[in-house]
Amino acid sequence: MLELLGRTDIPVAAGAAGPLVRPLHTAASVHGESGLGAATLPPPTKQPEASDAVTCLRRWIESSLKPVTIVAVAPLTNIAILLKAYPHLKANIERIVIMGGGAFRGNASPVAEFNIWVDPEAAYMVFQAGVPMVMCGLDVTMQAIATQQDIDAFAGLGNAAGTFCADAFGHYYNFYKQQYGDAVDGCAVHDAVAVMVLTHPELMKTSPAYVEVDLSGEQTFGCTATDFRTRGRLHPFNTEVVMELDREKFIQLLLASAAQF
């Protein structure tokens, strides 16, 4: 991806091979074997860092002159390992923004979202770590819909980034048609929401809540139990939950970003 964007100056490190205690589950049936749908990328010319992701994160956070924000758009295994091994780093982390979870819906199960469900123990640890959290879950990402017209607009950019987005979204769009029929007019651009909540927070509406990952429920295993109550809570708020976004402006900004490459 960095090769495509001409940003090979950004370092990349390999993360954990699987969840903390459970077998690895992937979503090849949803996103294809590569995870990129029908999109292709140029071969990389740069090697990953010699150190693993946790070691690199530790080094970068310790050396930062101001508190950092971590954006996590996958299962939280690496972040959980980092915070458990090096708890002193919490003082230099401003917040952790995740694409994952959901206050009122799931996709891996009726109530559990895939990124949390894949490694629920890791997610539990991260939410309980005492670092401010921002949860961009299915409640908001299922509003971030790219329609067929939007996908055509990406293809119409005529550049590498536009073609990549159109190919990736097109594969996902077909999955949505099979999964949801006419109930959803397009496919969700989940991960971009976690970035745009930082770059364009004015597009979002958030609500404070206490979030805890369920590790024991037969029907609720892996869900992000979300308590918005202002009274009667057993725990203080630990998360800003993103609940709404402006879809039209969201897509416009994605198109404008892709047009630059």
Protein backbone atom coordinates (compact mmCIF):
# COMPACT_ATOMS: atom_id res chain seq x y z
CA MET A 1 0.00 0.00 0.00
CA LEU A 2 2.79 2.43 0.89
CA GLU A 3 4.48 1.55 -2.41
CA LEU A 4 1.29 2.50 -4.25
CA LEU A 5 1.09 5.82 -2.40
CA GLY A 6 4.76 6.66 -2.77
CA ARG A 7 5.29 6.69 1.01
CA THR A 8 7.91 4.02 1.55
CA ASP A 9 9.47 6.37 4.11
CA ILE A 10 6.86 5.12 6.60
CA PRO A 11 8.16 2.08 8.53
CA VAL A 12 6.26 -1.21 8.66
CA ALA A 13 6.72 -3.96 11.25
CA ALA A 14 5.30 -7.47 11.51
CA GLY A 15 2.72 -8.04 14.23
CA ALA A 16 1.64 -11.10 16.17
CA ALA A 17 0.96 -14.25 14.15
CA GLY A 18 -2.35 -14.91 15.90
CA PRO A 19 -4.60 -14.11 18.86
CA LEU A 20 -3.41 -14.33 22.46
CA VAL A 21 -5.04 -17.67 23.32
CA ARG A 22 -7.36 -18.68 20.47
CA PRO A 23 -6.91 -20.06 16.95
CA LEU A 24 -6.73 -17.44 14.22
CA HIS A 25 -9.87 -16.78 12.18
CA THR A 26 -9.70 -14.76 8.96
CA ALA A 27 -12.37 -13.28 6.72
CA ALA A 28 -11.23 -14.61 3.35
CA SER A 29 -14.82 -15.32 2.37
CA VAL A 30 -15.57 -11.62 2.82
CA HIS A 31 -12.44 -9.80 1.65
CA GLY A 32 -10.75 -12.43 -0.51
CA GLU A 33 -7.58 -14.40 0.21
CA SER A 34 -5.41 -11.27 0.13
CA GLY A 35 -7.82 -9.23 2.23
CA LEU A 36 -7.97 -6.69 -0.60
CA GLY A 37 -10.80 -8.08 -2.69
CA ALA A 38 -10.01 -7.78 -6.40
CA ALA A 39 -7.39 -5.08 -5.86
CA THR A 40 -3.69 -5.62 -6.52
CA LEU A 41 -0.63 -3.82 -5.23
CA PRO A 42 2.86 -3.28 -6.65
CA PRO A 43 5.57 -5.50 -5.17
CA PRO A 44 7.28 -3.87 -2.18
CA THR A 45 10.79 -2.52 -2.58
CA LYS A 46 11.32 -1.95 1.14
CA GLN A 47 11.80 -4.61 3.80
CA PRO A 48 9.87 -4.52 7.09
CA GLU A 49 11.61 -3.44 10.26
CA ALA A 50 13.95 -5.99 11.83
CA SER A 51 12.08 -5.69 15.14
CA ASP A 52 8.48 -6.82 15.64
CA ALA A 53 5.55 -4.44 15.90
CA VAL A 54 5.44 -4.38 19.71
CA THR A 55 9.14 -3.53 19.97
CA CYS A 56 8.80 -0.82 17.33
CA LEU A 57 5.72 0.67 18.98
CA ARG A 58 7.53 0.78 22.30
CA ARG A 59 10.46 2.60 20.72
CA TRP A 60 8.30 5.10 18.85
CA ILE A 61 6.09 5.88 21.85
CA GLU A 62 9.02 6.27 24.23
CA SER A 63 10.82 8.60 21.84
CA SER A 64 7.78 10.77 21.05
CA LEU A 65 7.97 14.29 22.47
CA LYS A 66 4.20 14.43 22.87
CA PRO A 67 1.51 11.85 23.66
CA VAL A 68 0.68 9.66 20.68
CA THR A 69 -2.62 8.45 19.28
CA ILE A 70 -2.80 4.82 18.19
CA VAL A 71 -5.24 3.91 15.40
CA ALA A 72 -6.00 0.18 15.37
CA VAL A 73 -8.08 -1.27 12.53
CA ALA A 74 -7.56 -4.97 13.27
CA PRO A 75 -7.77 -7.29 16.29
CA LEU A 76 -6.05 -5.70 19.29
CA THR A 77 -3.46 -8.42 19.96
CA ASN A 78 -0.37 -6.25 19.48
CA ILE A 79 -1.77 -3.38 21.54
CA ALA A 80 -2.67 -5.73 24.40
CA ILE A 81 0.83 -7.23 24.42
CA LEU A 82 2.35 -3.74 24.34
CA LEU A 83 0.34 -2.39 27.27
CA LYS A 84 0.86 -5.48 29.41
CA ALA A 85 4.61 -5.67 28.78
CA TYR A 86 5.27 -1.93 29.05
CA PRO A 87 2.58 -0.33 31.23
CA HIS A 88 4.69 2.82 31.64
CA LEU A 89 3.88 3.68 28.01
CA LYS A 90 0.29 4.55 28.97
CA ALA A 91 1.51 7.92 30.22
CA ASN A 92 2.57 8.84 26.68
CA ILE A 93 -0.55 7.56 24.86
CA GLU A 94 -3.22 10.22 24.41
CA ARG A 95 -5.86 7.77 23.19
CA ILE A 96 -6.45 4.58 21.24
CA VAL A 97 -8.88 4.77 18.32
CA ILE A 98 -10.20 1.42 17.15
CA MET A 99 -12.27 0.17 14.27
CA GLY A 100 -14.13 -2.56 16.04
CA GLY A 101 -16.99 -3.41 18.32
CA GLY A 102 -20.52 -2.15 18.28
CA ALA A 103 -22.94 -0.91 20.90
CA PHE A 104 -26.03 -2.39 19.27
CA ARG A 105 -24.99 -4.87 16.59
CA GLY A 106 -22.47 -7.48 15.49
CA ASN A 107 -21.33 -9.29 12.34
CA ALA A 108 -19.25 -12.26 13.54
CA SER A 109 -22.30 -13.07 15.66
CA PRO A 110 -25.56 -11.20 16.27
CA VAL A 111 -23.79 -9.09 18.91
CA ALA A 112 -20.01 -9.44 18.35
CA GLU A 113 -18.01 -7.53 15.74
CA PHE A 114 -15.27 -9.46 13.90
CA ASN A 115 -12.14 -7.56 15.04
CA ILE A 116 -13.13 -7.93 18.69
CA TRP A 117 -14.41 -11.50 18.29
CA VAL A 118 -11.12 -12.69 16.74
CA ASP A 119 -9.17 -11.85 19.91
CA PRO A 120 -11.62 -10.93 22.66
CA GLU A 121 -9.07 -11.42 25.45
CA ALA A 122 -6.81 -8.81 23.86
CA ALA A 123 -9.71 -6.41 23.38
CA TYR A 124 -10.78 -6.90 27.00
CA MET A 125 -7.27 -6.01 28.18
CA VAL A 126 -7.07 -2.88 26.03
CA PHE A 127 -10.45 -1.51 27.13
CA GLN A 128 -9.49 -2.17 30.77
CA ALA A 129 -6.01 -0.63 30.47
CA GLY A 130 -7.00 2.86 31.58
CA VAL A 131 -6.07 4.55 28.30
CA PRO A 132 -8.79 6.78 26.76
CA MET A 133 -10.56 4.83 24.00
CA VAL A 134 -12.50 5.86 20.90
CA MET A 135 -14.65 3.06 19.46
CA CYS A 136 -15.63 3.28 15.80
CA GLY A 137 -17.89 0.26 15.75
CA LEU A 138 -20.54 -1.10 13.44
CA ASP A 139 -23.05 1.46 14.71
CA VAL A 140 -21.20 4.14 12.74
CA THR A 141 -19.21 2.20 10.14
CA MET A 142 -22.38 0.70 8.69
CA GLN A 143 -23.35 4.30 7.89
CA ALA A 144 -20.09 4.78 5.94
CA ILE A 145 -21.54 3.20 2.81
CA ALA A 146 -19.94 3.39 -0.64
CA THR A 147 -22.65 2.97 -3.27
CA GLN A 148 -22.09 1.69 -6.81
CA GLN A 149 -22.12 5.31 -7.95
CA ASP A 150 -19.35 6.09 -5.45
CA ILE A 151 -17.31 3.08 -6.61
CA ASP A 152 -17.65 4.29 -10.20
CA ALA A 153 -16.42 7.72 -9.07
CA PHE A 154 -13.26 6.16 -7.60
CA ALA A 155 -12.66 4.26 -10.84
CA GLY A 156 -13.24 7.48 -12.76
CA LEU A 157 -10.31 9.16 -11.03
CA GLY A 158 -8.11 7.23 -13.45
CA ASN A 159 -5.16 6.98 -11.06
CA ALA A 160 -3.59 4.18 -9.04
CA ALA A 161 -5.35 4.96 -5.76
CA GLY A 162 -8.74 5.35 -7.41
CA THR A 163 -8.38 2.06 -9.25
CA PHE A 164 -7.28 0.29 -6.08
CA CYS A 165 -10.29 1.60 -4.13
CA ALA A 166 -12.73 0.72 -6.90
CA ASP A 167 -11.38 -2.83 -7.16
CA ALA A 168 -11.37 -3.38 -3.39
CA PHE A 169 -14.80 -1.85 -2.87
CA GLY A 170 -16.25 -3.65 -5.88
CA HIS A 171 -15.43 -7.07 -4.43
CA TYR A 172 -16.87 -6.06 -1.07
CA TYR A 173 -19.96 -4.59 -2.75
CA ASN A 174 -20.70 -7.97 -4.31
CA PHE A 175 -20.39 -9.64 -0.91
CA TYR A 176 -22.86 -7.15 0.56
CA LYS A 177 -25.34 -7.88 -2.21
CA GLN A 178 -25.13 -11.59 -1.43
CA GLN A 179 -25.30 -11.02 2.33
CA TYR A 180 -27.85 -8.23 2.66
CA GLY A 181 -29.65 -8.04 -0.68
CA ASP A 182 -31.32 -4.66 -1.11
CA ALA A 183 -31.23 -3.88 2.62
CA VAL A 184 -27.89 -2.07 2.23
CA ASP A 185 -27.22 0.07 -0.85
CA GLY A 186 -23.48 -0.46 -1.10
CA CYS A 187 -20.62 -1.62 1.12
CA ALA A 188 -19.21 -0.19 4.33
CA VAL A 189 -15.80 1.50 4.32
CA HIS A 190 -15.13 0.53 7.92
CA ASP A 191 -11.46 1.31 8.56
CA ALA A 192 -11.45 4.82 7.11
CA VAL A 193 -13.86 5.93 9.82
CA ALA A 194 -11.20 5.37 12.50
CA VAL A 195 -8.84 7.69 10.65
CA MET A 196 -11.40 10.31 9.74
CA VAL A 197 -12.59 10.65 13.32
CA LEU A 198 -9.14 12.19 13.91
CA THR A 199 -8.78 14.24 10.73
CA HIS A 200 -12.41 15.42 10.49
CA PRO A 201 -14.11 14.99 13.87
CA GLU A 202 -16.76 17.50 12.83
CA LEU A 203 -18.32 14.78 10.65
CA MET A 204 -18.96 12.55 13.65
CA LYS A 205 -21.22 12.41 16.69
CA THR A 206 -19.96 10.57 19.75
CA SER A 207 -21.32 9.52 23.12
CA PRO A 208 -19.34 8.63 26.27
CA ALA A 209 -19.84 5.13 27.61
CA TYR A 210 -18.33 2.35 29.67
CA VAL A 211 -17.32 -0.51 27.36
CA GLU A 212 -16.31 -4.01 28.44
CA VAL A 213 -15.72 -7.07 26.27
CA ASP A 214 -17.73 -10.14 27.27
CA LEU A 215 -15.59 -13.28 27.63
CA SER A 216 -18.08 -15.68 29.15
CA GLY A 217 -21.56 -15.35 27.66
CA GLU A 218 -22.85 -18.20 25.52
CA GLN A 219 -24.80 -15.83 23.29
CA THR A 220 -22.84 -12.62 23.93
CA PHE A 221 -19.23 -13.83 23.78
CA GLY A 222 -16.98 -11.20 22.19
CA CYS A 223 -19.51 -8.39 22.29
CA THR A 224 -18.56 -4.90 23.43
CA ALA A 225 -21.10 -4.41 26.22
CA THR A 226 -21.73 -0.67 26.12
CA ASP A 227 -23.26 1.29 28.99
CA PHE A 228 -24.35 4.83 28.10
CA ARG A 229 -26.26 5.40 31.34
CA THR A 230 -25.42 8.54 33.28
CA ARG A 231 -26.84 7.03 36.46
CA GLY A 232 -26.68 3.53 37.85
CA ARG A 233 -23.38 2.63 36.20
CA LEU A 234 -20.96 0.42 38.10
CA HIS A 235 -17.92 1.87 36.31
CA PRO A 236 -16.82 5.30 35.04
CA PHE A 237 -16.90 6.01 31.31
CA ASN A 238 -13.80 4.70 29.51
CA THR A 239 -14.71 5.17 25.84
CA GLU A 240 -16.03 7.71 23.36
CA VAL A 241 -18.36 5.72 21.12
CA VAL A 242 -18.79 7.12 17.60
CA MET A 243 -22.46 6.78 16.69
CA GLU A 244 -23.10 8.94 13.62
CA LEU A 245 -21.29 10.39 10.62
CA ASP A 246 -22.06 12.54 7.59
CA ARG A 247 -21.91 9.94 4.81
CA GLU A 248 -21.86 12.36 1.88
CA LYS A 249 -18.94 14.38 3.24
CA PHE A 250 -17.16 11.19 4.29
CA ILE A 251 -17.22 9.83 0.72
CA GLN A 252 -16.27 13.23 -0.73
CA LEU A 253 -13.19 13.36 1.49
CA LEU A 254 -12.19 9.81 0.55
CA LEU A 255 -12.47 10.70 -3.13
CA ALA A 256 -10.43 13.87 -2.63
CA SER A 257 -7.74 11.90 -0.81
CA ALA A 258 -7.59 9.20 -3.49
CA ALA A 259 -7.36 11.88 -6.20
CA GLN A 260 -3.99 12.99 -4.80
CA PHE A 261 -2.34 9.69 -5.72
